[in-house]
């Protein structure tokens, strides 16, 4: 039933009540605002969010909804200058679009899954030629900084890995801003310091990339 049909039914119902007995109508009249509020809330809760809808932003760079299935693909995103940003609206697309818009950065290797952002052959604090960024491993003397790209390896249920941008850093946690995790655009992860070593305490984190 459409919202218009629902409105007609409700209006007809209360008109019938009034014609039947004004006393009964007066009893229901007190509850009419509450009933209207419930109808409005139900209409919002049942409305399906469209893929491609803006759901958040970070430093004026939009984050888009990609549905509840993270493997959803609806085409490729390309910058005005022809630079490949990745598949809409995957996690990779947001990260590359952010770095391109905010820092004017183009990765020499503009393809690959999220996990491929991290070069496992490199030691700690080394230059990642494929991404044109410095690479840091997790569990080292350095902790992440705001705007670093955090890289997750593949894990059961997700063979592609995941990338997100660090949006906040404190001495005990970091906040990530991300795309393509349903509607969950921001998460907080514990940051642990043991002697001189810092660890982003989540599973499958390879490390982070930084523009220096």
Protein backbone atom coordinates (compact mmCIF):
# COMPACT_ATOMS: atom_id res chain seq x y z
CA UNK A 1 0.00 0.00 0.00
CA UNK A 2 1.34 3.42 -0.94
CA UNK A 3 1.55 6.35 1.51
CA UNK A 4 -1.28 8.11 -0.38
CA UNK A 5 -3.54 5.07 -0.08
CA UNK A 6 -2.70 4.82 3.61
CA UNK A 7 -3.58 8.48 4.14
CA UNK A 8 -6.94 8.04 2.38
CA UNK A 9 -7.78 4.99 4.51
CA UNK A 10 -6.96 6.79 7.75
CA UNK A 11 -8.91 9.89 6.74
CA UNK A 12 -11.93 7.81 5.76
CA UNK A 13 -11.75 5.92 9.04
CA UNK A 14 -11.85 9.04 11.18
CA UNK A 15 -14.59 10.60 9.07
CA UNK A 16 -16.68 7.48 9.63
CA UNK A 17 -15.98 7.67 13.34
CA UNK A 18 -17.15 11.26 13.45
CA UNK A 19 -20.34 10.51 11.58
CA UNK A 20 -21.08 7.53 13.82
CA UNK A 21 -20.61 9.31 17.11
CA UNK A 22 -18.86 12.54 17.94
CA UNK A 23 -18.14 11.27 21.45
CA UNK A 24 -16.07 8.35 20.15
CA UNK A 25 -14.23 10.69 17.81
CA UNK A 26 -13.30 12.99 20.68
CA UNK A 27 -11.72 10.05 22.50
CA UNK A 28 -9.61 9.16 19.49
CA UNK A 29 -8.79 12.77 18.70
CA UNK A 30 -6.34 12.92 21.61
CA UNK A 31 -4.33 10.08 20.05
CA UNK A 32 -4.39 11.41 16.49
CA UNK A 33 -1.02 13.31 16.68
CA UNK A 34 0.68 10.21 18.08
CA UNK A 35 -0.81 8.07 15.32
CA UNK A 36 0.44 10.50 12.67
CA UNK A 37 3.94 10.44 14.19
CA UNK A 38 3.98 6.64 14.10
CA UNK A 39 2.95 6.66 10.44
CA UNK A 40 5.75 9.09 9.57
CA UNK A 41 8.36 7.06 11.46
CA UNK A 42 7.23 3.87 9.75
CA UNK A 43 7.46 5.49 6.33
CA UNK A 44 11.06 6.54 7.02
CA UNK A 45 12.11 3.18 8.44
CA UNK A 46 10.68 1.33 5.44
CA UNK A 47 12.33 3.60 2.89
CA UNK A 48 15.19 1.79 1.18
CA UNK A 49 18.40 3.78 0.87
CA UNK A 50 19.62 3.98 -2.70
CA UNK A 51 23.13 2.89 -3.65
CA UNK A 52 25.15 6.02 -4.31
CA UNK A 53 23.45 8.05 -1.59
CA UNK A 54 25.77 10.32 0.41
CA UNK A 55 25.91 9.12 4.01
CA UNK A 56 28.93 10.95 5.46
CA UNK A 57 31.95 13.07 4.56
CA UNK A 58 35.47 13.74 5.75
CA UNK A 59 37.23 17.01 4.97
CA UNK A 60 34.51 17.76 2.41
CA UNK A 61 35.02 14.46 0.58
CA UNK A 62 31.76 12.54 0.35
CA UNK A 63 31.23 8.95 1.47
CA UNK A 64 28.60 7.00 -0.48
CA UNK A 65 26.39 4.05 0.36
CA UNK A 66 27.14 0.84 -1.56
CA UNK A 67 24.36 -1.34 -0.18
CA UNK A 68 24.71 -4.05 2.45
CA UNK A 69 26.67 -6.41 0.16
CA UNK A 70 30.27 -5.20 0.08
CA UNK A 71 30.89 -6.97 -3.25
CA UNK A 72 28.34 -4.77 -5.01
CA UNK A 73 29.79 -3.09 -8.13
CA UNK A 74 27.99 -0.58 -10.35
CA UNK A 75 30.78 0.77 -12.55
CA UNK A 76 34.11 2.52 -12.36
CA UNK A 77 34.80 5.94 -10.86
CA UNK A 78 37.19 8.15 -12.84
CA UNK A 79 38.47 11.62 -11.93
CA UNK A 80 38.06 14.56 -14.32
CA UNK A 81 41.69 14.19 -15.35
CA UNK A 82 41.20 10.53 -16.25
CA UNK A 83 42.80 9.06 -13.12
CA UNK A 84 41.30 5.72 -12.12
CA UNK A 85 39.68 6.02 -8.67
CA UNK A 86 38.35 2.48 -8.50
CA UNK A 87 35.02 0.71 -8.54
CA UNK A 88 31.95 2.56 -7.25
CA UNK A 89 31.42 2.72 -4.27
CA UNK A 90 34.08 0.47 -2.83
CA UNK A 91 36.44 1.30 0.04
CA UNK A 92 39.32 1.76 -2.41
CA UNK A 93 37.35 4.33 -4.41
CA UNK A 94 36.82 6.57 -1.37
CA UNK A 95 40.46 6.41 -0.24
CA UNK A 96 41.87 7.18 -3.69
CA UNK A 97 39.27 9.89 -4.32
CA UNK A 98 40.14 11.48 -0.96
CA UNK A 99 43.89 11.52 -1.62
CA UNK A 100 43.36 12.79 -5.15
CA UNK A 101 41.02 15.60 -4.09
CA UNK A 102 42.73 16.68 -0.86
CA UNK A 103 46.39 16.04 -1.70
CA UNK A 104 46.40 15.87 -5.50
CA UNK A 105 47.95 12.42 -5.13
CA UNK A 106 47.87 9.81 -7.89
CA UNK A 107 49.06 6.30 -7.12
CA UNK A 108 51.52 5.05 -9.77
CA UNK A 109 49.67 1.73 -9.60
CA UNK A 110 46.05 2.81 -9.73
CA UNK A 111 44.61 -0.72 -9.72
CA UNK A 112 44.39 -3.61 -7.26
CA UNK A 113 42.28 -4.69 -4.33
CA UNK A 114 42.45 -3.06 -0.90
CA UNK A 115 44.97 -5.59 0.45
CA UNK A 116 47.26 -4.84 -2.52
CA UNK A 117 47.86 -1.32 -1.22
CA UNK A 118 50.34 -2.82 1.24
CA UNK A 119 53.62 -4.21 -0.08
CA UNK A 120 54.51 -7.12 2.21
CA UNK A 121 58.02 -7.34 0.77
CA UNK A 122 59.01 -4.01 2.32
CA UNK A 123 60.46 -3.51 5.78
CA UNK A 124 59.06 -1.03 8.27
CA UNK A 125 58.94 2.65 7.28
CA UNK A 126 59.78 2.11 3.63
CA UNK A 127 58.67 3.84 0.44
CA UNK A 128 55.90 1.99 -1.37
CA UNK A 129 56.61 2.76 -5.05
CA UNK A 130 53.38 1.28 -6.29
CA UNK A 131 51.30 3.65 -4.17
CA UNK A 132 53.74 6.56 -4.01
CA UNK A 133 53.47 6.68 -0.21
CA UNK A 134 55.51 5.81 2.86
CA UNK A 135 54.53 2.49 4.38
CA UNK A 136 54.48 1.62 8.08
CA UNK A 137 53.92 -1.79 9.61
CA UNK A 138 51.62 -2.38 12.56
CA UNK A 139 53.23 -3.09 15.98
CA UNK A 140 56.18 -0.73 15.64
CA UNK A 141 57.61 2.41 17.25
CA UNK A 142 55.23 4.66 15.33
CA UNK A 143 51.52 5.15 15.72
CA UNK A 144 49.18 6.23 12.91
CA UNK A 145 48.45 9.86 12.11
CA UNK A 146 45.30 11.54 10.87
CA UNK A 147 44.83 10.95 7.11
CA UNK A 148 46.95 7.78 7.07
CA UNK A 149 45.49 4.93 5.00
CA UNK A 150 44.97 1.88 7.20
CA UNK A 151 45.24 -1.40 5.28
CA UNK A 152 43.59 -4.69 6.22
CA UNK A 153 44.71 -7.99 4.76
CA UNK A 154 42.26 -10.51 3.34
CA UNK A 155 40.37 -12.55 5.91
CA UNK A 156 37.69 -15.26 5.92
CA UNK A 157 34.63 -13.90 4.17
CA UNK A 158 36.57 -11.07 2.49
CA UNK A 159 39.36 -12.01 0.10
CA UNK A 160 39.86 -8.41 -1.02
CA UNK A 161 40.95 -6.80 2.28
CA UNK A 162 39.85 -3.33 3.29
CA UNK A 163 41.21 0.23 3.41
CA UNK A 164 40.09 3.21 5.47
CA UNK A 165 41.37 6.63 6.44
CA UNK A 166 42.42 7.55 9.97
CA UNK A 167 40.22 10.46 11.06
CA UNK A 168 41.21 10.79 14.75
CA UNK A 169 44.13 9.64 16.90
CA UNK A 170 44.55 9.63 20.68
CA UNK A 171 46.84 7.69 23.01
CA UNK A 172 44.33 4.87 23.44
CA UNK A 173 42.31 4.66 20.23
CA UNK A 174 41.98 5.72 16.62
CA UNK A 175 38.90 6.49 14.56
CA UNK A 176 38.55 5.30 10.99
CA UNK A 177 36.34 6.80 8.30
CA UNK A 178 35.43 4.36 5.56
CA UNK A 179 33.19 3.45 2.66
CA UNK A 180 31.44 0.18 1.76
CA UNK A 181 30.74 -1.20 5.24
CA UNK A 182 26.99 -0.73 4.91
CA UNK A 183 25.99 2.48 6.66
CA UNK A 184 28.79 2.21 9.23
CA UNK A 185 31.13 4.96 8.07
CA UNK A 186 33.11 5.43 11.29
CA UNK A 187 34.58 2.98 13.78
CA UNK A 188 36.94 3.26 16.74
CA UNK A 189 39.78 0.81 17.32
CA UNK A 190 41.92 0.50 20.47
CA UNK A 191 45.49 1.74 20.22
CA UNK A 192 47.85 -0.07 22.60
CA UNK A 193 51.27 1.13 23.74
CA UNK A 194 53.67 -1.45 25.21
CA UNK A 195 57.13 -0.09 25.96
CA UNK A 196 58.09 1.69 22.73
CA UNK A 197 55.70 -0.24 20.48
CA UNK A 198 52.30 0.90 19.23
CA UNK A 199 49.65 -1.56 18.07
CA UNK A 200 46.35 -0.88 16.35
CA UNK A 201 44.48 -3.65 18.10
CA UNK A 202 42.29 -5.16 15.41
CA UNK A 203 42.59 -8.35 13.41
CA UNK A 204 44.34 -8.52 10.02
CA UNK A 205 45.78 -4.99 10.04
CA UNK A 206 48.95 -4.92 7.93
CA UNK A 207 49.86 -1.31 8.60
CA UNK A 208 49.28 2.13 7.10
CA UNK A 209 50.39 4.40 4.28
CA UNK A 210 51.29 8.06 4.64
CA UNK A 211 52.00 10.98 2.34
CA UNK A 212 55.25 12.58 3.52
